[in-house]
Amino acid sequence: MQWLLYSLIASIMFALWELFSKLSSFQSPYLSNILIYFFETAIVFLFATVVKKKLSLSKNGFYSGLVSGIMNLILLTALTTNLLILVAPFFSFAPSIFFLIIYALEKPKYSKKQKLAIGAGLLISFIGIFIVSVGQIGMENFLKDFTLDNGYLLSGLTLTVGSALWTYFLYRSAVKEKTDPFSYTISYSSAAFVVGLMAMAIMKPDLLGVMGNMDLLGYIYPLLGATALATGVMLSFIAFQKTTTKTKIQDTMIAVMANSEIVPLLFISYVILAEWNIEGFLGSLVVLAGLAILYYSEVINN
């Protein structure tokens, strides 16, 4: 059960990353984005140097960094155009896409009962994550603002596939690639940093001169966010390595928790920021029910 503990703590770390990203975006979301990945790269490099860990390039880490960088550009564009709350719920599809990728490429064998249980678990998890995401503005407001605009749908689809690929490259690096969590994380964060820096230089070149004029919190929040993100990524990496079966159901549960950081974020925001909504708490219970069904599908009789 070590994989479950690691993935649960990782989900909390991802939630803290989201929180500090939110707090650090008050000066500029674009600056916050590149500072987080810069600090993440520096933190992992310094820690690896202290413990004398030899680093190497992770191909899958590099791929996940490129994907993450592109997703962040879409999210930043959505944030600056007030569409973030409409595209964010698309992340709820990612665990299902991750499972379909694994199922297509590795062809694990399941009984009919297991297939039904896995399908039900993924569906319920998707519904739960979706409800929590939408709960930030309310289902009624989400449906009122929902649009079938091609640009909006393309952004949502890109985020869905991108998040699934990010999780898959993380899984593949941990399980298939001969590397370690330090090398993966530094490869991932450095690639995401370069993508973010290039995008800001092209789209917001005036912001490069602002970095030296920020107040202290403008650096502290990204530093805390980077620390949480690096910890979450490495713990998820280790969780994938700790799975004990070949059915890929445990890996799918890790993918669900890695993409549902909004659930622990809901409770953290309630404690720290006094933000509360009934949809979020109901959605959290639904996510837990979906994970329970997925866990049950591992041991169900044929």
Protein backbone atom coordinates (compact mmCIF):
# COMPACT_ATOMS: atom_id res chain seq x y z
CA MET A 1 0.00 0.00 0.00
CA GLN A 2 3.02 2.30 -0.15
CA TRP A 3 1.98 3.47 -3.61
CA LEU A 4 -1.32 4.71 -2.19
CA LEU A 5 0.34 6.68 0.60
CA TYR A 6 2.82 8.28 -1.78
CA SER A 7 0.10 9.22 -4.27
CA LEU A 8 -2.14 10.69 -1.54
CA ILE A 9 0.66 12.89 -0.23
CA ALA A 10 1.54 13.83 -3.83
CA SER A 11 -2.05 14.96 -4.43
CA ILE A 12 -1.82 17.22 -1.37
CA MET A 13 1.48 18.63 -2.66
CA PHE A 14 -0.11 19.36 -6.04
CA ALA A 15 -2.93 21.13 -4.20
CA LEU A 16 -0.40 23.31 -2.35
CA TRP A 17 1.25 24.06 -5.68
CA GLU A 18 -2.11 25.21 -7.03
CA LEU A 19 -2.68 27.35 -3.93
CA PHE A 20 0.70 29.10 -4.07
CA SER A 21 0.35 29.53 -7.85
CA LYS A 22 -2.95 31.27 -7.21
CA LEU A 23 -1.43 33.49 -4.51
CA SER A 24 1.63 34.33 -6.64
CA SER A 25 -0.31 35.32 -9.76
CA PHE A 26 -1.30 38.71 -8.29
CA GLN A 27 1.66 40.40 -10.00
CA SER A 28 1.68 38.46 -13.26
CA PRO A 29 0.53 34.89 -14.03
CA TYR A 30 3.20 34.65 -16.72
CA LEU A 31 6.00 35.63 -14.34
CA SER A 32 4.64 33.32 -11.67
CA ASN A 33 4.65 30.42 -14.14
CA ILE A 34 8.29 30.73 -15.18
CA LEU A 35 9.48 31.49 -11.64
CA ILE A 36 7.86 28.30 -10.34
CA TYR A 37 9.60 26.14 -12.95
CA PHE A 38 12.88 28.01 -12.49
CA PHE A 39 12.78 27.48 -8.72
CA GLU A 40 11.70 23.86 -9.17
CA THR A 41 14.70 23.15 -11.42
CA ALA A 42 17.06 24.93 -9.01
CA ILE A 43 15.66 23.18 -5.91
CA VAL A 44 15.95 19.70 -7.39
CA PHE A 45 19.46 20.41 -8.73
CA LEU A 46 20.67 21.76 -5.39
CA PHE A 47 19.13 18.88 -3.44
CA ALA A 48 20.59 16.31 -5.83
CA THR A 49 23.99 17.99 -5.45
CA VAL A 50 23.77 17.86 -1.64
CA VAL A 51 22.91 14.15 -1.59
CA LYS A 52 25.45 13.52 -4.38
CA LYS A 53 22.86 12.11 -6.77
CA LYS A 54 24.09 11.76 -10.33
CA LEU A 55 21.62 13.35 -12.74
CA SER A 56 20.85 12.30 -16.30
CA LEU A 57 18.47 13.45 -19.01
CA SER A 58 15.05 11.78 -18.88
CA LYS A 59 13.51 11.59 -22.32
CA ASN A 60 10.03 11.16 -20.91
CA GLY A 61 10.66 13.95 -18.42
CA PHE A 62 11.57 16.24 -21.31
CA TYR A 63 8.38 15.26 -23.16
CA SER A 64 6.22 15.87 -20.11
CA GLY A 65 7.87 19.27 -19.65
CA LEU A 66 7.00 20.28 -23.20
CA VAL A 67 3.42 19.13 -22.69
CA SER A 68 3.21 20.94 -19.36
CA GLY A 69 4.59 24.13 -20.87
CA ILE A 70 1.98 24.09 -23.63
CA MET A 71 -0.83 23.39 -21.16
CA ASN A 72 0.28 26.27 -18.98
CA LEU A 73 0.15 28.64 -21.96
CA ILE A 74 -3.44 27.60 -22.60
CA LEU A 75 -4.32 28.04 -18.93
CA LEU A 76 -2.66 31.46 -18.79
CA THR A 77 -4.53 32.55 -21.91
CA ALA A 78 -7.78 31.29 -20.40
CA LEU A 79 -6.99 33.09 -17.14
CA THR A 80 -6.36 36.42 -18.84
CA THR A 81 -9.54 36.09 -20.93
CA ASN A 82 -11.76 35.00 -18.02
CA LEU A 83 -12.29 31.52 -19.47
CA LEU A 84 -10.25 29.58 -16.91
CA ILE A 85 -13.26 28.28 -15.02
CA LEU A 86 -14.72 26.97 -18.28
CA VAL A 87 -11.65 25.07 -19.48
CA ALA A 88 -10.42 23.78 -16.07
CA PRO A 89 -13.16 21.10 -15.79
CA PHE A 90 -11.71 19.40 -18.87
CA PHE A 91 -8.93 18.06 -16.63
CA SER A 92 -11.50 15.64 -15.20
CA PHE A 93 -11.26 13.56 -18.41
CA ALA A 94 -7.49 13.04 -18.08
CA PRO A 95 -7.43 9.86 -15.90
CA SER A 96 -9.77 8.11 -18.32
CA ILE A 97 -7.59 9.09 -21.28
CA PHE A 98 -4.53 7.88 -19.35
CA PHE A 99 -6.18 4.49 -18.79
CA LEU A 100 -7.13 4.21 -22.47
CA ILE A 101 -3.52 4.92 -23.48
CA ILE A 102 -2.25 2.25 -21.09
CA TYR A 103 -4.93 -0.21 -22.22
CA ALA A 104 -4.16 0.35 -25.91
CA LEU A 105 -0.38 0.13 -25.59
CA GLU A 106 0.10 -2.50 -22.89
CA LYS A 107 -3.08 -4.55 -23.28
CA PRO A 108 -3.65 -5.69 -19.68
CA LYS A 109 -6.16 -8.53 -19.30
CA TYR A 110 -9.43 -8.04 -17.40
CA SER A 111 -12.50 -10.11 -16.74
CA LYS A 112 -15.92 -8.75 -17.71
CA LYS A 113 -16.63 -7.85 -14.09
CA GLN A 114 -13.35 -6.01 -13.83
CA LYS A 115 -14.03 -4.06 -17.02
CA LEU A 116 -17.42 -2.99 -15.68
CA ALA A 117 -15.93 -2.00 -12.32
CA ILE A 118 -13.05 -0.08 -13.92
CA GLY A 119 -15.45 1.73 -16.27
CA ALA A 120 -17.74 2.62 -13.37
CA GLY A 121 -14.83 3.77 -11.20
CA LEU A 122 -13.42 6.02 -13.92
CA LEU A 123 -16.85 7.44 -14.77
CA ILE A 124 -17.66 8.23 -11.15
CA SER A 125 -14.19 9.73 -10.60
CA PHE A 126 -14.67 11.90 -13.68
CA ILE A 127 -18.06 13.10 -12.44
CA GLY A 128 -16.62 13.89 -9.02
CA ILE A 129 -13.63 15.88 -10.33
CA PHE A 130 -15.93 17.70 -12.74
CA ILE A 131 -18.36 18.65 -9.95
CA VAL A 132 -15.51 19.95 -7.75
CA SER A 133 -14.09 21.98 -10.65
CA VAL A 134 -17.43 23.51 -11.57
CA GLY A 135 -18.26 24.11 -7.91
CA GLN A 136 -15.94 27.11 -7.89
CA ILE A 137 -18.56 29.16 -9.75
CA GLY A 138 -21.61 26.92 -9.40
CA MET A 139 -23.12 24.50 -11.90
CA GLU A 140 -25.81 27.01 -12.92
CA ASN A 141 -23.23 29.68 -13.79
CA PHE A 142 -21.06 27.15 -15.62
CA LEU A 143 -23.96 25.99 -17.81
CA LYS A 144 -24.98 29.60 -18.45
CA ASP A 145 -21.47 30.56 -19.61
CA PHE A 146 -20.78 27.30 -21.44
CA THR A 147 -20.08 27.80 -25.13
CA LEU A 148 -19.44 25.57 -28.11
CA ASP A 149 -16.94 28.04 -29.54
CA ASN A 150 -14.27 26.14 -31.50
CA GLY A 151 -11.39 27.89 -29.74
CA TYR A 152 -12.79 27.06 -26.34
CA LEU A 153 -13.41 23.41 -27.21
CA LEU A 154 -9.95 23.08 -28.76
CA SER A 155 -8.36 24.51 -25.62
CA GLY A 156 -10.33 22.12 -23.42
CA LEU A 157 -9.46 19.11 -25.58
CA THR A 158 -5.77 20.06 -25.60
CA LEU A 159 -5.78 20.31 -21.80
CA THR A 160 -7.47 16.93 -21.50
CA VAL A 161 -5.06 15.11 -23.79
CA GLY A 162 -2.09 17.09 -22.49
CA SER A 163 -2.78 16.23 -18.86
CA ALA A 164 -3.23 12.56 -19.76
CA LEU A 165 0.07 12.58 -21.69
CA TRP A 166 1.83 14.35 -18.82
CA THR A 167 0.70 11.56 -16.50
CA TYR A 168 1.62 8.88 -19.03
CA PHE A 169 5.15 10.22 -19.53
CA LEU A 170 5.56 10.35 -15.75
CA TYR A 171 4.35 6.75 -15.51
CA ARG A 172 6.55 5.62 -18.39
CA SER A 173 9.63 7.28 -16.94
CA ALA A 174 9.04 5.66 -13.55
CA VAL A 175 8.20 2.18 -14.84
CA LYS A 176 9.92 1.81 -18.22
CA GLU A 177 12.83 4.24 -18.27
CA LYS A 178 16.01 3.58 -16.30
CA THR A 179 16.05 6.88 -14.44
CA ASP A 180 15.31 8.34 -11.01
CA PRO A 181 12.83 10.91 -9.66
CA PHE A 182 15.49 13.64 -9.51
CA SER A 183 16.49 13.25 -13.16
CA TYR A 184 12.87 13.04 -14.28
CA THR A 185 11.81 16.12 -12.34
CA ILE A 186 14.71 18.31 -13.41
CA SER A 187 14.23 17.26 -17.06
CA TYR A 188 10.51 18.01 -16.81
CA SER A 189 10.81 21.35 -15.01
CA SER A 190 13.65 22.70 -17.16
CA ALA A 191 11.74 21.91 -20.37
CA ALA A 192 8.58 23.57 -19.00
CA PHE A 193 10.66 26.59 -17.90
CA VAL A 194 12.16 27.05 -21.38
CA VAL A 195 8.72 26.82 -23.03
CA GLY A 196 7.29 29.35 -20.56
CA LEU A 197 10.24 31.73 -20.93
CA MET A 198 10.07 31.64 -24.74
CA ALA A 199 6.31 32.23 -24.67
CA MET A 200 6.64 35.18 -22.30
CA ALA A 201 9.45 36.68 -24.36
CA ILE A 202 7.18 36.56 -27.42
CA MET A 203 3.78 37.36 -25.88
CA LYS A 204 4.71 39.55 -22.88
CA PRO A 205 8.27 40.85 -23.47
CA ASP A 206 7.66 43.87 -21.22
CA LEU A 207 7.35 41.57 -18.19
CA LEU A 208 11.03 40.58 -18.33
CA GLY A 209 11.95 43.97 -16.91
CA VAL A 210 9.46 43.66 -14.05
CA MET A 211 11.20 40.78 -12.30
CA GLY A 212 13.69 43.01 -10.51
CA ASN A 213 10.95 45.29 -9.17
CA MET A 214 8.71 42.67 -7.52
CA ASP A 215 8.20 42.62 -3.77
CA LEU A 216 9.39 39.73 -1.63
CA LEU A 217 6.10 37.80 -1.77
CA GLY A 218 6.43 37.80 -5.55
CA TYR A 219 9.34 35.41 -5.08
CA ILE A 220 8.30 33.57 -1.90
CA TYR A 221 4.98 32.27 -3.25
CA PRO A 222 6.54 30.84 -6.45
CA LEU A 223 9.34 29.32 -4.35
CA LEU A 224 6.82 27.59 -2.08
CA GLY A 225 4.79 26.50 -5.10
CA ALA A 226 7.91 25.10 -6.77
CA THR A 227 8.83 23.15 -3.64
CA ALA A 228 5.34 21.63 -3.45
CA LEU A 229 5.30 20.83 -7.17
CA ALA A 230 8.71 19.15 -7.13
CA THR A 231 7.69 17.08 -4.10
CA GLY A 232 4.40 16.06 -5.73
CA VAL A 233 6.07 15.04 -8.98
CA MET A 234 8.76 12.95 -7.26
CA LEU A 235 6.26 11.27 -4.93
CA SER A 236 4.04 10.38 -7.91
CA PHE A 237 7.11 8.99 -9.67
CA ILE A 238 7.88 6.81 -6.64
CA ALA A 239 4.22 5.79 -6.33
CA PHE A 240 4.26 4.40 -9.88
CA GLN A 241 7.38 2.42 -8.99
CA LYS A 242 5.72 1.01 -5.86
CA THR A 243 2.67 -0.54 -7.54
CA THR A 244 2.36 -4.26 -6.85
CA THR A 245 0.20 -5.67 -9.68
CA LYS A 246 0.30 -5.81 -13.47
CA THR A 247 -3.35 -4.86 -14.06
CA LYS A 248 -2.50 -1.13 -14.23
CA ILE A 249 -5.47 -0.40 -11.96
CA GLN A 250 -3.20 0.91 -9.21
CA ASP A 251 -1.44 3.07 -11.82
CA THR A 252 -4.83 4.41 -12.90
CA MET A 253 -5.70 5.30 -9.31
CA ILE A 254 -2.41 7.21 -9.06
CA ALA A 255 -3.36 9.03 -12.27
CA VAL A 256 -6.75 9.95 -10.77
CA MET A 257 -5.12 11.39 -7.64
CA ALA A 258 -2.43 13.21 -9.64
CA ASN A 259 -5.16 14.94 -11.68
CA SER A 260 -7.61 15.61 -8.85
CA GLU A 261 -5.50 17.94 -6.72
CA ILE A 262 -8.49 20.24 -6.74
CA VAL A 263 -10.06 17.95 -4.11
CA PRO A 264 -7.43 18.51 -1.37
CA LEU A 265 -7.15 22.11 -2.59
CA LEU A 266 -10.83 22.53 -1.71
CA PHE A 267 -10.17 21.61 1.92
CA ILE A 268 -6.93 23.62 2.11
CA SER A 269 -8.72 26.68 0.74
CA TYR A 270 -11.48 26.18 3.28
CA VAL A 271 -9.00 26.12 6.16
CA ILE A 272 -6.70 28.93 4.96
CA LEU A 273 -8.90 31.17 2.83
CA ALA A 274 -12.35 30.32 4.26
CA GLU A 275 -13.58 29.49 0.72
CA TRP A 276 -16.44 27.00 0.75
CA ASN A 277 -19.00 25.56 -1.68
CA ILE A 278 -21.38 22.62 -1.32
CA GLU A 279 -20.70 21.29 -4.83
CA GLY A 280 -17.02 20.91 -3.99
CA PHE A 281 -17.60 18.80 -0.90
CA LEU A 282 -20.20 16.62 -2.65
CA GLY A 283 -17.85 16.18 -5.61
CA SER A 284 -15.06 15.13 -3.25
CA LEU A 285 -17.23 12.33 -1.88
CA VAL A 286 -17.99 11.21 -5.44
CA VAL A 287 -14.25 11.12 -6.29
CA LEU A 288 -13.61 8.96 -3.21
CA ALA A 289 -16.41 6.62 -4.29
CA GLY A 290 -14.84 6.30 -7.74
CA LEU A 291 -11.44 5.49 -6.24
CA ALA A 292 -13.04 2.90 -3.96
CA ILE A 293 -14.64 1.17 -6.95
CA LEU A 294 -11.34 1.19 -8.82
CA TYR A 295 -9.63 -0.34 -5.80
CA TYR A 296 -12.36 -2.98 -5.57
CA SER A 297 -11.94 -3.83 -9.27
CA GLU A 298 -8.39 -4.99 -8.50
CA VAL A 299 -9.62 -7.87 -6.32
CA ILE A 300 -12.99 -8.63 -7.88
CA ASN A 301 -13.62 -12.25 -8.77
CA ASN A 302 -13.57 -13.23 -12.43
